[in-house]
């Protein structure tokens, strides 16, 4: 497999030397393709994280049913501590 890849690279280099005017458009097309693939990979990697986070939260809520109420009270109590009212 490595030998075939090496031969393919040599063939591409010879074609680039034979047709130097085609190199910039081909590199531009490769750049556009890469620019389309990278966000898709990022989206795919980000969404499983979000899904797994929500699933973990739901499991924790089922495991500890009083935690959401406790977190709500802690949030309400922490607001005056962080942002005290003006006199």
PDB file of N, CA and C in Angstrom:
ATOM      1  N   UNK A   1       0.834  -1.196   0.000  1.00  0.00           N
ATOM      2  CA  UNK A   1       0.000   0.000   0.000  1.00  0.00           C
ATOM      3  C   UNK A   1       0.877   1.256   0.000  1.00  0.00           C
ATOM      4  N   UNK A   2       1.939   1.234   0.818  1.00  0.00           N
ATOM      5  CA  UNK A   2       2.817   2.393   0.901  1.00  0.00           C
ATOM      6  C   UNK A   2       3.511   2.642  -0.439  1.00  0.00           C
ATOM      7  N   UNK A   3       3.864   1.572  -1.119  1.00  0.00           N
ATOM      8  CA  UNK A   3       4.526   1.711  -2.415  1.00  0.00           C
ATOM      9  C   UNK A   3       3.580   2.340  -3.437  1.00  0.00           C
ATOM     10  N   UNK A   4       2.318   1.939  -3.415  1.00  0.00           N
ATOM     11  CA  UNK A   4       1.336   2.501  -4.345  1.00  0.00           C
ATOM     12  C   UNK A   4       1.119   3.988  -4.056  1.00  0.00           C
ATOM     13  N   UNK A   5       1.092   4.342  -2.791  1.00  0.00           N
ATOM     14  CA  UNK A   5       0.915   5.743  -2.417  1.00  0.00           C
ATOM     15  C   UNK A   5       2.111   6.580  -2.882  1.00  0.00           C
ATOM     16  N   UNK A   6       3.299   6.006  -2.777  1.00  0.00           N
ATOM     17  CA  UNK A   6       4.502   6.691  -3.223  1.00  0.00           C
ATOM     18  C   UNK A   6       4.470   6.889  -4.745  1.00  0.00           C
ATOM     19  N   UNK A   7       4.055   5.869  -5.466  1.00  0.00           N
ATOM     20  CA  UNK A   7       3.944   5.991  -6.922  1.00  0.00           C
ATOM     21  C   UNK A   7       2.897   7.032  -7.313  1.00  0.00           C
ATOM     22  N   UNK A   8       1.800   7.070  -6.583  1.00  0.00           N
ATOM     23  CA  UNK A   8       0.753   8.057  -6.842  1.00  0.00           C
ATOM     24  C   UNK A   8       1.279   9.472  -6.605  1.00  0.00           C
ATOM     25  N   UNK A   9       2.051   9.658  -5.545  1.00  0.00           N
ATOM     26  CA  UNK A   9       2.626  10.974  -5.257  1.00  0.00           C
ATOM     27  C   UNK A   9       3.606  11.384  -6.356  1.00  0.00           C
ATOM     28  N   UNK A  10       4.423  10.453  -6.818  1.00  0.00           N
ATOM     29  CA  UNK A  10       5.352  10.768  -7.912  1.00  0.00           C
ATOM     30  C   UNK A  10       4.597  11.142  -9.183  1.00  0.00           C
ATOM     31  N   UNK A  11       3.526  10.416  -9.466  1.00  0.00           N
ATOM     32  CA  UNK A  11       2.724  10.723 -10.651  1.00  0.00           C
ATOM     33  C   UNK A  11       2.115  12.120 -10.545  1.00  0.00           C
ATOM     34  N   UNK A  12       1.632  12.483  -9.362  1.00  0.00           N
ATOM     35  CA  UNK A  12       1.074  13.825  -9.174  1.00  0.00           C
ATOM     36  C   UNK A  12       2.146  14.899  -9.337  1.00  0.00           C
ATOM     37  N   UNK A  13       3.352  14.628  -8.832  1.00  0.00           N
ATOM     38  CA  UNK A  13       4.432  15.598  -8.991  1.00  0.00           C
ATOM     39  C   UNK A  13       4.812  15.766 -10.461  1.00  0.00           C
ATOM     40  N   UNK A  14       4.854  14.673 -11.200  1.00  0.00           N
ATOM     41  CA  UNK A  14       5.174  14.762 -12.623  1.00  0.00           C
ATOM     42  C   UNK A  14       4.082  15.523 -13.382  1.00  0.00           C
ATOM     43  N   UNK A  15       2.828  15.286 -13.036  1.00  0.00           N
ATOM     44  CA  UNK A  15       1.740  16.035 -13.672  1.00  0.00           C
ATOM     45  C   UNK A  15       1.822  17.519 -13.321  1.00  0.00           C
ATOM     46  N   UNK A  16       2.206  17.836 -12.079  1.00  0.00           N
ATOM     47  CA  UNK A  16       2.350  19.242 -11.686  1.00  0.00           C
ATOM     48  C   UNK A  16       3.492  19.903 -12.451  1.00  0.00           C
ATOM     49  N   UNK A  17       4.565  19.155 -12.694  1.00  0.00           N
ATOM     50  CA  UNK A  17       5.662  19.708 -13.485  1.00  0.00           C
ATOM     51  C   UNK A  17       5.282  19.861 -14.958  1.00  0.00           C
ATOM     52  N   UNK A  18       4.454  18.958 -15.464  1.00  0.00           N
ATOM     53  CA  UNK A  18       4.047  19.013 -16.868  1.00  0.00           C
ATOM     54  C   UNK A  18       3.018  20.115 -17.117  1.00  0.00           C
ATOM     55  N   UNK A  19       2.138  20.356 -16.145  1.00  0.00           N
ATOM     56  CA  UNK A  19       1.079  21.357 -16.299  1.00  0.00           C
ATOM     57  C   UNK A  19       1.091  22.312 -15.097  1.00  0.00           C
ATOM     58  N   UNK A  20       2.063  23.218 -15.045  1.00  0.00           N
ATOM     59  CA  UNK A  20       2.159  24.098 -13.868  1.00  0.00           C
ATOM     60  C   UNK A  20       0.994  25.076 -13.728  1.00  0.00           C
ATOM     61  N   UNK A  21       0.282  25.356 -14.817  1.00  0.00           N
ATOM     62  CA  UNK A  21      -0.841  26.303 -14.720  1.00  0.00           C
ATOM     63  C   UNK A  21      -2.049  25.682 -14.032  1.00  0.00           C
ATOM     64  N   UNK A  22      -2.104  24.360 -13.957  1.00  0.00           N
ATOM     65  CA  UNK A  22      -3.236  23.696 -13.310  1.00  0.00           C
ATOM     66  C   UNK A  22      -3.061  23.535 -11.800  1.00  0.00           C
ATOM     67  N   UNK A  23      -1.860  23.757 -11.301  1.00  0.00           N
ATOM     68  CA  UNK A  23      -1.601  23.534  -9.873  1.00  0.00           C
ATOM     69  C   UNK A  23      -2.414  24.475  -8.985  1.00  0.00           C
ATOM     70  N   UNK A  24      -2.430  25.812  -9.217  1.00  0.00           N
ATOM     71  CA  UNK A  24      -3.210  26.678  -8.327  1.00  0.00           C
ATOM     72  C   UNK A  24      -4.709  26.363  -8.291  1.00  0.00           C
ATOM     73  N   UNK A  25      -5.374  26.123  -9.437  1.00  0.00           N
ATOM     74  CA  UNK A  25      -6.803  25.789  -9.327  1.00  0.00           C
ATOM     75  C   UNK A  25      -7.066  24.468  -8.600  1.00  0.00           C
ATOM     76  N   UNK A  26      -6.193  23.488  -8.822  1.00  0.00           N
ATOM     77  CA  UNK A  26      -6.380  22.198  -8.148  1.00  0.00           C
ATOM     78  C   UNK A  26      -6.187  22.361  -6.647  1.00  0.00           C
ATOM     79  N   UNK A  27      -5.153  23.119  -6.254  1.00  0.00           N
ATOM     80  CA  UNK A  27      -4.954  23.372  -4.822  1.00  0.00           C
ATOM     81  C   UNK A  27      -6.120  24.169  -4.243  1.00  0.00           C
ATOM     82  N   UNK A  28      -6.667  25.087  -5.034  1.00  0.00           N
ATOM     83  CA  UNK A  28      -7.836  25.840  -4.576  1.00  0.00           C
ATOM     84  C   UNK A  28      -9.038  24.945  -4.353  1.00  0.00           C
ATOM     85  N   UNK A  29      -9.257  24.003  -5.264  1.00  0.00           N
ATOM     86  CA  UNK A  29     -10.378  23.061  -5.096  1.00  0.00           C
ATOM     87  C   UNK A  29     -10.160  22.167  -3.879  1.00  0.00           C
ATOM     88  N   UNK A  30      -8.924  21.735  -3.654  1.00  0.00           N
ATOM     89  CA  UNK A  30      -8.634  20.936  -2.463  1.00  0.00           C
ATOM     90  C   UNK A  30      -8.871  21.748  -1.196  1.00  0.00           C
ATOM     91  N   UNK A  31      -8.514  23.023  -1.224  1.00  0.00           N
ATOM     92  CA  UNK A  31      -8.761  23.889  -0.071  1.00  0.00           C
ATOM     93  C   UNK A  31     -10.247  24.062   0.205  1.00  0.00           C
ATOM     94  N   UNK A  32     -11.038  24.225  -0.856  1.00  0.00           N
ATOM     95  CA  UNK A  32     -12.486  24.362  -0.686  1.00  0.00           C
ATOM     96  C   UNK A  32     -13.080  23.071  -0.122  1.00  0.00           C
ATOM     97  N   UNK A  33     -12.613  21.941  -0.622  1.00  0.00           N
ATOM     98  CA  UNK A  33     -13.111  20.663  -0.108  1.00  0.00           C
ATOM     99  C   UNK A  33     -12.743  20.492   1.358  1.00  0.00           C
ATOM    100  N   UNK A  34     -11.528  20.861   1.709  1.00  0.00           N
ATOM    101  CA  UNK A  34     -11.097  20.764   3.105  1.00  0.00           C
ATOM    102  C   UNK A  34     -11.895  21.727   3.984  1.00  0.00           C
ATOM    103  N   UNK A  35     -12.176  22.917   3.470  1.00  0.00           N
ATOM    104  CA  UNK A  35     -12.963  23.891   4.224  1.00  0.00           C
ATOM    105  C   UNK A  35     -14.395  23.408   4.436  1.00  0.00           C
ATOM    106  N   UNK A  36     -14.892  22.554   3.571  1.00  0.00           N
ATOM    107  CA  UNK A  36     -16.236  22.003   3.749  1.00  0.00           C
ATOM    108  C   UNK A  36     -16.235  20.817   4.714  1.00  0.00           C
ATOM    109  N   UNK A  37     -15.145  20.079   4.752  1.00  0.00           N
ATOM    110  CA  UNK A  37     -15.087  18.871   5.582  1.00  0.00           C
ATOM    111  C   UNK A  37     -14.812  19.198   7.046  1.00  0.00           C
ATOM    112  N   UNK A  38     -13.944  20.167   7.305  1.00  0.00           N
ATOM    113  CA  UNK A  38     -13.554  20.469   8.685  1.00  0.00           C
ATOM    114  C   UNK A  38     -14.748  20.885   9.552  1.00  0.00           C
ATOM    115  N   UNK A  39     -15.635  21.786   9.099  1.00  0.00           N
ATOM    116  CA  UNK A  39     -16.796  22.111   9.937  1.00  0.00           C
ATOM    117  C   UNK A  39     -17.726  20.916  10.164  1.00  0.00           C
ATOM    118  N   UNK A  40     -17.850  20.056   9.172  1.00  0.00           N
ATOM    119  CA  UNK A  40     -18.696  18.879   9.357  1.00  0.00           C
ATOM    120  C   UNK A  40     -18.133  17.960  10.433  1.00  0.00           C
ATOM    121  N   UNK A  41     -16.832  17.790  10.434  1.00  0.00           N
ATOM    122  CA  UNK A  41     -16.195  16.957  11.457  1.00  0.00           C
ATOM    123  C   UNK A  41     -16.377  17.603  12.829  1.00  0.00           C
ATOM    124  N   UNK A  42     -16.206  18.925  12.901  1.00  0.00           N
ATOM    125  CA  UNK A  42     -16.420  19.625  14.165  1.00  0.00           C
ATOM    126  C   UNK A  42     -17.841  19.501  14.659  1.00  0.00           C
ATOM    127  N   UNK A  43     -18.798  19.624  13.753  1.00  0.00           N
ATOM    128  CA  UNK A  43     -20.209  19.502  14.141  1.00  0.00           C
ATOM    129  C   UNK A  43     -20.491  18.093  14.663  1.00  0.00           C
ATOM    130  N   UNK A  44     -19.947  17.097  13.967  1.00  0.00           N
ATOM    131  CA  UNK A  44     -20.164  15.715  14.386  1.00  0.00           C
ATOM    132  C   UNK A  44     -19.554  15.453  15.760  1.00  0.00           C
ATOM    133  N   UNK A  45     -18.370  16.009  16.000  1.00  0.00           N
ATOM    134  CA  UNK A  45     -17.724  15.795  17.292  1.00  0.00           C
ATOM    135  C   UNK A  45     -18.387  16.588  18.405  1.00  0.00           C
ATOM    136  N   UNK A  46     -18.969  17.736  18.077  1.00  0.00           N
ATOM    137  CA  UNK A  46     -19.611  18.566  19.096  1.00  0.00           C
ATOM    138  C   UNK A  46     -20.969  18.005  19.507  1.00  0.00           C
ATOM    139  N   UNK A  47     -21.731  17.515  18.566  1.00  0.00           N
ATOM    140  CA  UNK A  47     -23.077  17.059  18.906  1.00  0.00           C
ATOM    141  C   UNK A  47     -23.115  15.815  19.786  1.00  0.00           C
ATOM    142  N   UNK A  48     -22.262  14.830  19.581  1.00  0.00           N
ATOM    143  CA  UNK A  48     -22.272  13.717  20.535  1.00  0.00           C
ATOM    144  C   UNK A  48     -21.923  14.180  21.952  1.00  0.00           C
ATOM    145  N   UNK A  49     -21.060  15.164  22.075  1.00  0.00           N
ATOM    146  CA  UNK A  49     -20.720  15.679  23.401  1.00  0.00           C
ATOM    147  C   UNK A  49     -21.953  16.286  24.059  1.00  0.00           C
ATOM    148  N   UNK A  50     -22.683  17.086  23.297  1.00  0.00           N
ATOM    149  CA  UNK A  50     -23.893  17.702  23.840  1.00  0.00           C
ATOM    150  C   UNK A  50     -24.917  16.637  24.208  1.00  0.00           C
ATOM    151  N   UNK A  51     -25.110  15.677  23.344  1.00  0.00           N
ATOM    152  CA  UNK A  51     -26.072  14.611  23.602  1.00  0.00           C
ATOM    153  C   UNK A  51     -25.696  13.804  24.839  1.00  0.00           C
ATOM    154  N   UNK A  52     -24.424  13.458  24.946  1.00  0.00           N
ATOM    155  CA  UNK A  52     -23.981  12.682  26.105  1.00  0.00           C
ATOM    156  C   UNK A  52     -24.067  13.500  27.395  1.00  0.00           C
ATOM    157  N   UNK A  53     -23.840  14.813  27.307  1.00  0.00           N
ATOM    158  CA  UNK A  53     -23.963  15.664  28.489  1.00  0.00           C
ATOM    159  C   UNK A  53     -25.407  15.727  28.968  1.00  0.00           C
ATOM    160  N   UNK A  54     -26.332  15.894  28.034  1.00  0.00           N
ATOM    161  CA  UNK A  54     -27.752  15.928  28.403  1.00  0.00           C
ATOM    162  C   UNK A  54     -28.177  14.581  28.984  1.00  0.00           C
ATOM    163  N   UNK A  55     -27.730  13.494  28.378  1.00  0.00           N
ATOM    164  CA  UNK A  55     -28.081  12.167  28.890  1.00  0.00           C
ATOM    165  C   UNK A  55     -27.513  11.951  30.286  1.00  0.00           C
ATOM    166  N   UNK A  56     -26.288  12.393  30.522  1.00  0.00           N
ATOM    167  CA  UNK A  56     -25.698  12.258  31.855  1.00  0.00           C
ATOM    168  C   UNK A  56     -26.479  13.087  32.871  1.00  0.00           C
ATOM    169  N   UNK A  57     -26.899  14.272  32.475  1.00  0.00           N
ATOM    170  CA  UNK A  57     -27.704  15.105  33.367  1.00  0.00           C
ATOM    171  C   UNK A  57     -29.018  14.443  33.721  1.00  0.00           C
ATOM    172  N   UNK A  58     -29.681  13.865  32.739  1.00  0.00           N
ATOM    173  CA  UNK A  58     -30.954  13.188  33.005  1.00  0.00           C
ATOM    174  C   UNK A  58     -30.760  11.984  33.928  1.00  0.00           C
ATOM    175  N   UNK A  59     -29.684  11.239  33.719  1.00  0.00           N
ATOM    176  CA  UNK A  59     -29.414  10.102  34.603  1.00  0.00           C
ATOM    177  C   UNK A  59     -29.130  10.565  36.030  1.00  0.00           C
ATOM    178  N   UNK A  60     -28.398  11.655  36.178  1.00  0.00           N
ATOM    179  CA  UNK A  60     -28.124  12.170  37.517  1.00  0.00           C
ATOM    180  C   UNK A  60     -29.393  12.672  38.199  1.00  0.00           C
ATOM    181  N   UNK A  61     -30.291  13.280  37.425  1.00  0.00           N
ATOM    182  CA  UNK A  61     -31.567  13.746  37.996  1.00  0.00           C
ATOM    183  C   UNK A  61     -32.395  12.556  38.468  1.00  0.00           C
ATOM    184  N   UNK A  62     -32.364  11.454  37.722  1.00  0.00           N
ATOM    185  CA  UNK A  62     -33.117  10.264  38.153  1.00  0.00           C
ATOM    186  C   UNK A  62     -32.469   9.624  39.374  1.00  0.00           C
ATOM    187  N   UNK A  63     -31.125   9.667  39.421  1.00  0.00           N
ATOM    188  CA  UNK A  63     -30.402   9.048  40.524  1.00  0.00           C
ATOM    189  C   UNK A  63     -30.539   9.856  41.811  1.00  0.00           C
ATOM    190  N   UNK A  64     -30.473  11.178  41.687  1.00  0.00           N
ATOM    191  CA  UNK A  64     -30.595  12.077  42.842  1.00  0.00           C
ATOM    192  C   UNK A  64     -31.760  13.032  42.593  1.00  0.00           C
ATOM    193  N   UNK A  65     -32.993  12.655  42.956  1.00  0.00           N
ATOM    194  CA  UNK A  65     -34.160  13.461  42.594  1.00  0.00           C
ATOM    195  C   UNK A  65     -34.213  14.830  43.272  1.00  0.00           C
ATOM    196  N   UNK A  66     -33.558  15.043  44.418  1.00  0.00           N
ATOM    197  CA  UNK A  66     -33.631  16.342  45.090  1.00  0.00           C
ATOM    198  C   UNK A  66     -32.617  17.356  44.595  1.00  0.00           C
ATOM    199  N   UNK A  67     -31.707  16.936  43.732  1.00  0.00           N
ATOM    200  CA  UNK A  67     -30.633  17.840  43.296  1.00  0.00           C
ATOM    201  C   UNK A  67     -31.147  19.032  42.492  1.00  0.00           C
ATOM    202  N   UNK A  68     -32.084  18.888  41.542  1.00  0.00           N
ATOM    203  CA  UNK A  68     -32.534  20.077  40.804  1.00  0.00           C
ATOM    204  C   UNK A  68     -33.120  21.151  41.728  1.00  0.00           C
ATOM    205  N   UNK A  69     -33.893  20.747  42.724  1.00  0.00           N
ATOM    206  CA  UNK A  69     -34.465  21.708  43.670  1.00  0.00           C
ATOM    207  C   UNK A  69     -33.347  22.393  44.457  1.00  0.00           C
ATOM    208  N   UNK A  70     -32.350  21.600  44.881  1.00  0.00           N
ATOM    209  CA  UNK A  70     -31.237  22.147  45.642  1.00  0.00           C
ATOM    210  C   UNK A  70     -30.413  23.123  44.788  1.00  0.00           C
ATOM    211  N   UNK A  71     -30.185  22.750  43.514  1.00  0.00           N
ATOM    212  CA  UNK A  71     -29.438  23.638  42.618  1.00  0.00           C
ATOM    213  C   UNK A  71     -30.203  24.932  42.358  1.00  0.00           C
ATOM    214  N   UNK A  72     -31.510  24.832  42.209  1.00  0.00           N
ATOM    215  CA  UNK A  72     -32.330  26.034  42.013  1.00  0.00           C
ATOM    216  C   UNK A  72     -32.237  26.968  43.207  1.00  0.00           C
ATOM    217  N   UNK A  73     -32.344  26.423  44.414  1.00  0.00           N
ATOM    218  CA  UNK A  73     -32.230  27.248  45.627  1.00  0.00           C
ATOM    219  C   UNK A  73     -30.844  27.856  45.734  1.00  0.00           C
ATOM    220  N   UNK A  74     -29.806  27.092  45.408  1.00  0.00           N
ATOM    221  CA  UNK A  74     -28.441  27.612  45.478  1.00  0.00           C
ATOM    222  C   UNK A  74     -28.235  28.732  44.461  1.00  0.00           C
ATOM    223  N   UNK A  75     -28.816  28.604  43.277  1.00  0.00           N
ATOM    224  CA  UNK A  75     -28.697  29.646  42.265  1.00  0.00           C
ATOM    225  C   UNK A  75     -29.383  30.923  42.719  1.00  0.00           C
ATOM    226  N   UNK A  76     -30.594  30.789  43.256  1.00  0.00           N
ATOM    227  CA  UNK A  76     -31.335  31.964  43.728  1.00  0.00           C
ATOM    228  C   UNK A  76     -30.581  32.637  44.877  1.00  0.00           C
ATOM    229  N   UNK A  77     -29.986  31.848  45.759  1.00  0.00           N
ATOM    230  CA  UNK A  77     -29.265  32.418  46.886  1.00  0.00           C
ATOM    231  C   UNK A  77     -27.941  33.052  46.460  1.00  0.00           C
ATOM    232  N   UNK A  78     -27.346  32.578  45.370  1.00  0.00           N
ATOM    233  CA  UNK A  78     -26.035  33.090  44.966  1.00  0.00           C
ATOM    234  C   UNK A  78     -26.129  34.398  44.189  1.00  0.00           C
ATOM    235  N   UNK A  79     -27.290  34.711  43.636  1.00  0.00           N
ATOM    236  CA  UNK A  79     -27.411  35.939  42.853  1.00  0.00           C
ATOM    237  C   UNK A  79     -27.152  37.186  43.694  1.00  0.00           C
ATOM    238  N   UNK A  80     -27.735  37.338  44.888  1.00  0.00           N
ATOM    239  CA  UNK A  80     -27.431  38.535  45.679  1.00  0.00           C
ATOM    240  C   UNK A  80     -25.964  38.570  46.132  1.00  0.00           C
ATOM    241  N   UNK A  81     -25.360  37.431  46.330  1.00  0.00           N
ATOM    242  CA  UNK A  81     -23.964  37.405  46.758  1.00  0.00           C
ATOM    243  C   UNK A  81     -23.033  37.878  45.628  1.00  0.00           C
ATOM    244  N   UNK A  82     -23.371  37.535  44.396  1.00  0.00           N
ATOM    245  CA  UNK A  82     -22.532  37.906  43.269  1.00  0.00           C
ATOM    246  C   UNK A  82     -22.809  39.334  42.821  1.00  0.00           C
ATOM    247  N   UNK A  83     -24.065  39.709  42.771  1.00  0.00           N
ATOM    248  CA  UNK A  83     -24.455  41.053  42.322  1.00  0.00           C
ATOM    249  C   UNK A  83     -25.301  41.711  43.403  1.00  0.00           C
ATOM    250  N   UNK A  84     -24.684  42.335  44.406  1.00  0.00           N
ATOM    251  CA  UNK A  84     -25.474  42.951  45.467  1.00  0.00           C
ATOM    252  C   UNK A  84     -26.295  44.132  44.949  1.00  0.00           C
ATOM    253  N   UNK A  85     -27.429  44.352  45.570  1.00  0.00           N
ATOM    254  CA  UNK A  85     -28.330  45.446  45.152  1.00  0.00           C
ATOM    255  C   UNK A  85     -27.697  46.791  45.491  1.00  0.00           C
ATOM    256  N   UNK A  86     -27.963  47.779  44.633  1.00  0.00           N
ATOM    257  CA  UNK A  86     -27.423  49.124  44.876  1.00  0.00           C
ATOM    258  C   UNK A  86     -28.263  49.811  45.945  1.00  0.00           C
ATOM    259  N   UNK A  87     -27.602  50.605  46.764  1.00  0.00           N
ATOM    260  CA  UNK A  87     -28.313  51.296  47.828  1.00  0.00           C
ATOM    261  C   UNK A  87     -29.016  52.543  47.327  1.00  0.00           C
TER     262      UNK A  87
END
